[in-house]
PDB file of N, CA and C in Angstrom:
ATOM      1  N   MET A   1      34.021 -95.231 150.997  1.00  0.00           N
ATOM      2  CA  MET A   1      34.096 -94.398 149.811  1.00  0.00           C
ATOM      3  C   MET A   1      35.028 -93.226 150.126  1.00  0.00           C
ATOM      4  N   ASP A   2      36.018 -93.044 149.279  1.00  0.00           N
ATOM      5  CA  ASP A   2      36.963 -91.956 149.522  1.00  0.00           C
ATOM      6  C   ASP A   2      36.520 -90.690 148.788  1.00  0.00           C
ATOM      7  N   VAL A   3      37.303 -89.665 148.934  1.00  0.00           N
ATOM      8  CA  VAL A   3      36.978 -88.354 148.357  1.00  0.00           C
ATOM      9  C   VAL A   3      36.882 -88.429 146.839  1.00  0.00           C
ATOM     10  N   PHE A   4      37.753 -89.186 146.212  1.00  0.00           N
ATOM     11  CA  PHE A   4      37.746 -89.274 144.752  1.00  0.00           C
ATOM     12  C   PHE A   4      36.492 -89.996 144.241  1.00  0.00           C
ATOM     13  N   ASP A   5      36.085 -91.038 144.952  1.00  0.00           N
ATOM     14  CA  ASP A   5      34.849 -91.729 144.573  1.00  0.00           C
ATOM     15  C   ASP A   5      33.642 -90.809 144.735  1.00  0.00           C
ATOM     16  N   THR A   6      33.619 -90.081 145.822  1.00  0.00           N
ATOM     17  CA  THR A   6      32.522 -89.143 146.065  1.00  0.00           C
ATOM     18  C   THR A   6      32.500 -88.064 144.994  1.00  0.00           C
ATOM     19  N   ASN A   7      33.664 -87.548 144.649  1.00  0.00           N
ATOM     20  CA  ASN A   7      33.769 -86.523 143.616  1.00  0.00           C
ATOM     21  C   ASN A   7      33.272 -87.060 142.274  1.00  0.00           C
ATOM     22  N   SER A   8      33.664 -88.271 141.938  1.00  0.00           N
ATOM     23  CA  SER A   8      33.218 -88.879 140.681  1.00  0.00           C
ATOM     24  C   SER A   8      31.704 -89.046 140.660  1.00  0.00           C
ATOM     25  N   LEU A   9      31.150 -89.462 141.785  1.00  0.00           N
ATOM     26  CA  LEU A   9      29.705 -89.627 141.884  1.00  0.00           C
ATOM     27  C   LEU A   9      28.985 -88.294 141.703  1.00  0.00           C
ATOM     28  N   VAL A  10      29.496 -87.259 142.322  1.00  0.00           N
ATOM     29  CA  VAL A  10      28.892 -85.930 142.199  1.00  0.00           C
ATOM     30  C   VAL A  10      28.974 -85.440 140.755  1.00  0.00           C
ATOM     31  N   ILE A  11      30.089 -85.679 140.103  1.00  0.00           N
ATOM     32  CA  ILE A  11      30.245 -85.272 138.700  1.00  0.00           C
ATOM     33  C   ILE A  11      29.239 -86.004 137.819  1.00  0.00           C
ATOM     34  N   GLU A  12      29.060 -87.285 138.028  1.00  0.00           N
ATOM     35  CA  GLU A  12      28.093 -88.058 137.244  1.00  0.00           C
ATOM     36  C   GLU A  12      26.669 -87.566 137.492  1.00  0.00           C
ATOM     37  N   GLN A  13      26.359 -87.244 138.726  1.00  0.00           N
ATOM     38  CA  GLN A  13      25.031 -86.711 139.038  1.00  0.00           C
ATOM     39  C   GLN A  13      24.818 -85.359 138.364  1.00  0.00           C
ATOM     40  N   ALA A  14      25.847 -84.531 138.346  1.00  0.00           N
ATOM     41  CA  ALA A  14      25.748 -83.222 137.690  1.00  0.00           C
ATOM     42  C   ALA A  14      25.521 -83.388 136.193  1.00  0.00           C
ATOM     43  N   LYS A  15      26.214 -84.339 135.583  1.00  0.00           N
ATOM     44  CA  LYS A  15      26.022 -84.601 134.150  1.00  0.00           C
ATOM     45  C   LYS A  15      24.598 -85.071 133.872  1.00  0.00           C
ATOM     46  N   ALA A  16      24.089 -85.939 134.729  1.00  0.00           N
ATOM     47  CA  ALA A  16      22.722 -86.428 134.551  1.00  0.00           C
ATOM     48  C   ALA A  16      21.714 -85.293 134.707  1.00  0.00           C
ATOM     49  N   LEU A  17      21.935 -84.428 135.678  1.00  0.00           N
ATOM     50  CA  LEU A  17      21.038 -83.287 135.872  1.00  0.00           C
ATOM     51  C   LEU A  17      21.097 -82.324 134.697  1.00  0.00           C
ATOM     52  N   ARG A  18      22.275 -82.112 134.156  1.00  0.00           N
ATOM     53  CA  ARG A  18      22.422 -81.235 132.992  1.00  0.00           C
ATOM     54  C   ARG A  18      21.659 -81.810 131.797  1.00  0.00           C
ATOM     55  N   ALA A  19      21.775 -83.117 131.588  1.00  0.00           N
ATOM     56  CA  ALA A  19      21.057 -83.758 130.486  1.00  0.00           C
ATOM     57  C   ALA A  19      19.544 -83.650 130.688  1.00  0.00           C
ATOM     58  N   GLU A  20      19.085 -83.866 131.905  1.00  0.00           N
ATOM     59  CA  GLU A  20      17.657 -83.756 132.203  1.00  0.00           C
ATOM     60  C   GLU A  20      17.172 -82.319 132.017  1.00  0.00           C
ATOM     61  N   ASN A  21      17.969 -81.355 132.430  1.00  0.00           N
ATOM     62  CA  ASN A  21      17.631 -79.946 132.251  1.00  0.00           C
ATOM     63  C   ASN A  21      17.479 -79.627 130.769  1.00  0.00           C
ATOM     64  N   SER A  22      18.407 -80.113 129.971  1.00  0.00           N
ATOM     65  CA  SER A  22      18.355 -79.878 128.531  1.00  0.00           C
ATOM     66  C   SER A  22      17.098 -80.499 127.926  1.00  0.00           C
ATOM     67  N   ARG A  23      16.791 -81.713 128.341  1.00  0.00           N
ATOM     68  CA  ARG A  23      15.598 -82.389 127.836  1.00  0.00           C
ATOM     69  C   ARG A  23      14.331 -81.627 128.226  1.00  0.00           C
ATOM     70  N   MET A  24      14.268 -81.159 129.452  1.00  0.00           N
ATOM     71  CA  MET A  24      13.097 -80.413 129.907  1.00  0.00           C
ATOM     72  C   MET A  24      12.968 -79.075 129.176  1.00  0.00           C
ATOM     73  N   ARG A  25      14.093 -78.436 128.904  1.00  0.00           N
ATOM     74  CA  ARG A  25      14.065 -77.169 128.161  1.00  0.00           C
ATOM     75  C   ARG A  25      13.525 -77.394 126.747  1.00  0.00           C
ATOM     76  N   GLU A  26      13.976 -78.468 126.097  1.00  0.00           N
ATOM     77  CA  GLU A  26      13.471 -78.782 124.760  1.00  0.00           C
ATOM     78  C   GLU A  26      11.977 -79.076 124.796  1.00  0.00           C
ATOM     79  N   LEU A  27      11.541 -79.793 125.800  1.00  0.00           N
ATOM     80  CA  LEU A  27      10.123 -80.100 125.942  1.00  0.00           C
ATOM     81  C   LEU A  27       9.309 -78.829 126.166  1.00  0.00           C
ATOM     82  N   ALA A  28       9.821 -77.922 126.972  1.00  0.00           N
ATOM     83  CA  ALA A  28       9.125 -76.655 127.222  1.00  0.00           C
ATOM     84  C   ALA A  28       8.987 -75.852 125.937  1.00  0.00           C
ATOM     85  N   TRP A  29      10.055 -75.793 125.139  1.00  0.00           N
ATOM     86  CA  TRP A  29       9.974 -75.059 123.878  1.00  0.00           C
ATOM     87  C   TRP A  29       9.004 -75.721 122.915  1.00  0.00           C
ATOM     88  N   ALA A  30       8.920 -77.040 122.944  1.00  0.00           N
ATOM     89  CA  ALA A  30       7.942 -77.734 122.104  1.00  0.00           C
ATOM     90  C   ALA A  30       6.524 -77.326 122.502  1.00  0.00           C
ATOM     91  N   TYR A  31       6.272 -77.199 123.804  1.00  0.00           N
ATOM     92  CA  TYR A  31       4.955 -76.753 124.264  1.00  0.00           C
ATOM     93  C   TYR A  31       4.684 -75.309 123.846  1.00  0.00           C
ATOM     94  N   VAL A  32       5.698 -74.465 123.885  1.00  0.00           N
ATOM     95  CA  VAL A  32       5.533 -73.078 123.442  1.00  0.00           C
ATOM     96  C   VAL A  32       5.165 -73.047 121.965  1.00  0.00           C
ATOM     97  N   GLU A  33       5.890 -73.817 121.164  1.00  0.00           N
ATOM     98  CA  GLU A  33       5.597 -73.852 119.729  1.00  0.00           C
ATOM     99  C   GLU A  33       4.193 -74.397 119.473  1.00  0.00           C
ATOM    100  N   GLN A  34       3.812 -75.423 120.203  1.00  0.00           N
ATOM    101  CA  GLN A  34       2.471 -75.981 120.056  1.00  0.00           C
ATOM    102  C   GLN A  34       1.418 -74.933 120.425  1.00  0.00           C
ATOM    103  N   SER A  35       1.661 -74.172 121.466  1.00  0.00           N
ATOM    104  CA  SER A  35       0.728 -73.118 121.871  1.00  0.00           C
ATOM    105  C   SER A  35       0.613 -72.047 120.800  1.00  0.00           C
ATOM    106  N   ARG A  36       1.727 -71.703 120.183  1.00  0.00           N
ATOM    107  CA  ARG A  36       1.697 -70.704 119.106  1.00  0.00           C
ATOM    108  C   ARG A  36       0.872 -71.198 117.924  1.00  0.00           C
ATOM    109  N   VAL A  37       1.046 -72.458 117.566  1.00  0.00           N
ATOM    110  CA  VAL A  37       0.264 -73.029 116.468  1.00  0.00           C
ATOM    111  C   VAL A  37      -1.221 -73.005 116.822  1.00  0.00           C
ATOM    112  N   LEU A  38      -1.549 -73.410 118.039  1.00  0.00           N
ATOM    113  CA  LEU A  38      -2.948 -73.390 118.463  1.00  0.00           C
ATOM    114  C   LEU A  38      -3.512 -71.973 118.468  1.00  0.00           C
ATOM    115  N   ALA A  39      -2.712 -71.005 118.855  1.00  0.00           N
ATOM    116  CA  ALA A  39      -3.159 -69.606 118.853  1.00  0.00           C
ATOM    117  C   ALA A  39      -3.437 -69.139 117.429  1.00  0.00           C
ATOM    118  N   ARG A  40      -2.575 -69.540 116.489  1.00  0.00           N
ATOM    119  CA  ARG A  40      -2.813 -69.171 115.086  1.00  0.00           C
ATOM    120  C   ARG A  40      -4.100 -69.815 114.570  1.00  0.00           C
ATOM    121  N   HIS A  41      -4.326 -71.067 114.942  1.00  0.00           N
ATOM    122  CA  HIS A  41      -5.568 -71.736 114.540  1.00  0.00           C
ATOM    123  C   HIS A  41      -6.781 -71.028 115.137  1.00  0.00           C
ATOM    124  N   LEU A  42      -6.696 -70.663 116.386  1.00  0.00           N
ATOM    125  CA  LEU A  42      -7.793 -69.954 117.040  1.00  0.00           C
ATOM    126  C   LEU A  42      -8.057 -68.619 116.349  1.00  0.00           C
ATOM    127  N   ALA A  43      -6.992 -67.900 116.011  1.00  0.00           N
ATOM    128  CA  ALA A  43      -7.154 -66.619 115.318  1.00  0.00           C
ATOM    129  C   ALA A  43      -7.806 -66.826 113.954  1.00  0.00           C
ATOM    130  N   ALA A  44      -7.402 -67.868 113.248  1.00  0.00           N
ATOM    131  CA  ALA A  44      -7.992 -68.144 111.939  1.00  0.00           C
ATOM    132  C   ALA A  44      -9.472 -68.478 112.064  1.00  0.00           C
ATOM    133  N   ILE A  45      -9.822 -69.253 113.066  1.00  0.00           N
ATOM    134  CA  ILE A  45     -11.233 -69.598 113.285  1.00  0.00           C
ATOM    135  C   ILE A  45     -12.035 -68.351 113.616  1.00  0.00           C
ATOM    136  N   ARG A  46     -11.477 -67.494 114.464  1.00  0.00           N
ATOM    137  CA  ARG A  46     -12.186 -66.255 114.815  1.00  0.00           C
ATOM    138  C   ARG A  46     -12.372 -65.376 113.584  1.00  0.00           C
ATOM    139  N   ASN A  47     -11.345 -65.294 112.735  1.00  0.00           N
ATOM    140  CA  ASN A  47     -11.436 -64.460 111.537  1.00  0.00           C
ATOM    141  C   ASN A  47     -12.433 -65.028 110.536  1.00  0.00           C
ATOM    142  N   GLN A  48     -12.513 -66.335 110.408  1.00  0.00           N
ATOM    143  CA  GLN A  48     -13.431 -66.959 109.457  1.00  0.00           C
ATOM    144  C   GLN A  48     -14.881 -66.858 109.908  1.00  0.00           C
ATOM    145  N   SER A  49     -15.095 -66.869 111.192  1.00  0.00           N
ATOM    146  CA  SER A  49     -16.471 -66.880 111.692  1.00  0.00           C
ATOM    147  C   SER A  49     -17.161 -65.531 111.508  1.00  0.00           C
ATOM    148  N   GLY A  50     -16.394 -64.473 111.347  1.00  0.00           N
ATOM    149  CA  GLY A  50     -16.983 -63.153 111.177  1.00  0.00           C
ATOM    150  C   GLY A  50     -17.480 -62.544 112.473  1.00  0.00           C
ATOM    151  N   ARG A  51     -17.345 -63.264 113.542  1.00  0.00           N
ATOM    152  CA  ARG A  51     -17.749 -62.750 114.855  1.00  0.00           C
ATOM    153  C   ARG A  51     -16.848 -63.388 115.902  1.00  0.00           C
ATOM    154  N   ALA A  52     -16.765 -62.762 117.018  1.00  0.00           N
ATOM    155  CA  ALA A  52     -15.932 -63.295 118.095  1.00  0.00           C
ATOM    156  C   ALA A  52     -16.559 -64.571 118.640  1.00  0.00           C
ATOM    157  N   LEU A  53     -15.724 -65.500 118.973  1.00  0.00           N
ATOM    158  CA  LEU A  53     -16.213 -66.714 119.614  1.00  0.00           C
ATOM    159  C   LEU A  53     -16.705 -66.376 121.014  1.00  0.00           C
ATOM    160  N   PRO A  54     -17.723 -67.062 121.472  1.00  0.00           N
ATOM    161  CA  PRO A  54     -18.194 -66.783 122.830  1.00  0.00           C
ATOM    162  C   PRO A  54     -17.112 -67.082 123.859  1.00  0.00           C
ATOM    163  N   LYS A  55     -17.090 -66.279 124.881  1.00  0.00           N
ATOM    164  CA  LYS A  55     -16.108 -66.448 125.951  1.00  0.00           C
ATOM    165  C   LYS A  55     -16.712 -67.307 127.047  1.00  0.00           C
ATOM    166  N   MET A  56     -15.849 -67.990 127.742  1.00  0.00           N
ATOM    167  CA  MET A  56     -16.315 -68.791 128.864  1.00  0.00           C
ATOM    168  C   MET A  56     -16.520 -67.882 130.076  1.00  0.00           C
ATOM    169  N   GLY A  57     -17.347 -68.298 130.983  1.00  0.00           N
ATOM    170  CA  GLY A  57     -17.498 -67.576 132.239  1.00  0.00           C
ATOM    171  C   GLY A  57     -18.306 -66.310 132.097  1.00  0.00           C
ATOM    172  N   ASP A  58     -17.797 -65.236 132.686  1.00  0.00           N
ATOM    173  CA  ASP A  58     -18.562 -63.996 132.784  1.00  0.00           C
ATOM    174  C   ASP A  58     -18.306 -63.032 131.633  1.00  0.00           C
ATOM    175  N   GLY A  59     -17.804 -63.520 130.506  1.00  0.00           N
ATOM    176  CA  GLY A  59     -17.599 -62.649 129.366  1.00  0.00           C
ATOM    177  C   GLY A  59     -16.205 -62.082 129.265  1.00  0.00           C
ATOM    178  N   HIS A  60     -15.381 -62.285 130.271  1.00  0.00           N
ATOM    179  CA  HIS A  60     -14.004 -61.817 130.214  1.00  0.00           C
ATOM    180  C   HIS A  60     -13.113 -62.911 129.643  1.00  0.00           C
ATOM    181  N   LEU A  61     -11.964 -62.496 129.131  1.00  0.00           N
ATOM    182  CA  LEU A  61     -11.020 -63.484 128.621  1.00  0.00           C
ATOM    183  C   LEU A  61     -10.588 -64.429 129.735  1.00  0.00           C
ATOM    184  N   THR A  62     -10.521 -65.680 129.403  1.00  0.00           N
ATOM    185  CA  THR A  62     -10.000 -66.636 130.371  1.00  0.00           C
ATOM    186  C   THR A  62      -8.485 -66.511 130.413  1.00  0.00           C
ATOM    187  N   GLU A  63      -7.899 -67.077 131.419  1.00  0.00           N
ATOM    188  CA  GLU A  63      -6.443 -67.033 131.554  1.00  0.00           C
ATOM    189  C   GLU A  63      -5.766 -67.662 130.342  1.00  0.00           C
ATOM    190  N   ILE A  64      -6.309 -68.745 129.841  1.00  0.00           N
ATOM    191  CA  ILE A  64      -5.722 -69.415 128.675  1.00  0.00           C
ATOM    192  C   ILE A  64      -5.828 -68.530 127.450  1.00  0.00           C
ATOM    193  N   GLU A  65      -6.988 -67.912 127.240  1.00  0.00           N
ATOM    194  CA  GLU A  65      -7.147 -67.040 126.081  1.00  0.00           C
ATOM    195  C   GLU A  65      -6.206 -65.843 126.148  1.00  0.00           C
ATOM    196  N   ARG A  66      -6.012 -65.278 127.331  1.00  0.00           N
ATOM    197  CA  ARG A  66      -5.064 -64.167 127.474  1.00  0.00           C
ATOM    198  C   ARG A  66      -3.658 -64.629 127.123  1.00  0.00           C
ATOM    199  N   ALA A  67      -3.286 -65.803 127.596  1.00  0.00           N
ATOM    200  CA  ALA A  67      -1.946 -66.319 127.311  1.00  0.00           C
ATOM    201  C   ALA A  67      -1.769 -66.548 125.816  1.00  0.00           C
ATOM    202  N   LEU A  68      -2.782 -67.115 125.181  1.00  0.00           N
ATOM    203  CA  LEU A  68      -2.685 -67.365 123.744  1.00  0.00           C
ATOM    204  C   LEU A  68      -2.641 -66.063 122.957  1.00  0.00           C
ATOM    205  N   ASP A  69      -3.372 -65.057 123.411  1.00  0.00           N
ATOM    206  CA  ASP A  69      -3.366 -63.771 122.723  1.00  0.00           C
ATOM    207  C   ASP A  69      -2.051 -63.022 122.902  1.00  0.00           C
ATOM    208  N   ASN A  70      -1.257 -63.381 123.897  1.00  0.00           N
ATOM    209  CA  ASN A  70      -0.002 -62.684 124.184  1.00  0.00           C
ATOM    210  C   ASN A  70       1.228 -63.551 123.960  1.00  0.00           C
ATOM    211  N   LEU A  71       1.155 -64.506 123.058  1.00  0.00           N
ATOM    212  CA  LEU A  71       2.287 -65.410 122.839  1.00  0.00           C
ATOM    213  C   LEU A  71       3.515 -64.698 122.293  1.00  0.00           C
ATOM    214  N   ASP A  72       3.325 -63.578 121.609  1.00  0.00           N
ATOM    215  CA  ASP A  72       4.485 -62.866 121.058  1.00  0.00           C
ATOM    216  C   ASP A  72       5.420 -62.368 122.144  1.00  0.00           C
ATOM    217  N   ARG A  73       4.939 -62.226 123.350  1.00  0.00           N
ATOM    218  CA  ARG A  73       5.793 -61.776 124.454  1.00  0.00           C
ATOM    219  C   ARG A  73       6.790 -62.845 124.864  1.00  0.00           C
ATOM    220  N   TRP A  74       6.538 -64.112 124.505  1.00  0.00           N
ATOM    221  CA  TRP A  74       7.431 -65.205 124.865  1.00  0.00           C
ATOM    222  C   TRP A  74       8.641 -65.085 124.018  1.00  0.00           C
TER     223      TRP A  74
END
């Protein structure tokens, strides 16, 4: 394999990695949007119930609940 073949191979690998990166970025944003929708649903349920939903564990917000409550920071 000469230098030109190696260069072509590296270029093709870079293109494949770029495409995979783009796909993963789109997937990540889809998860963010899904989390936002779930957070809105959770807020609506909390508002309809007239009382706070019970918390898991020792009464403090769980890591997931904190993340959902702070989605606007994303």
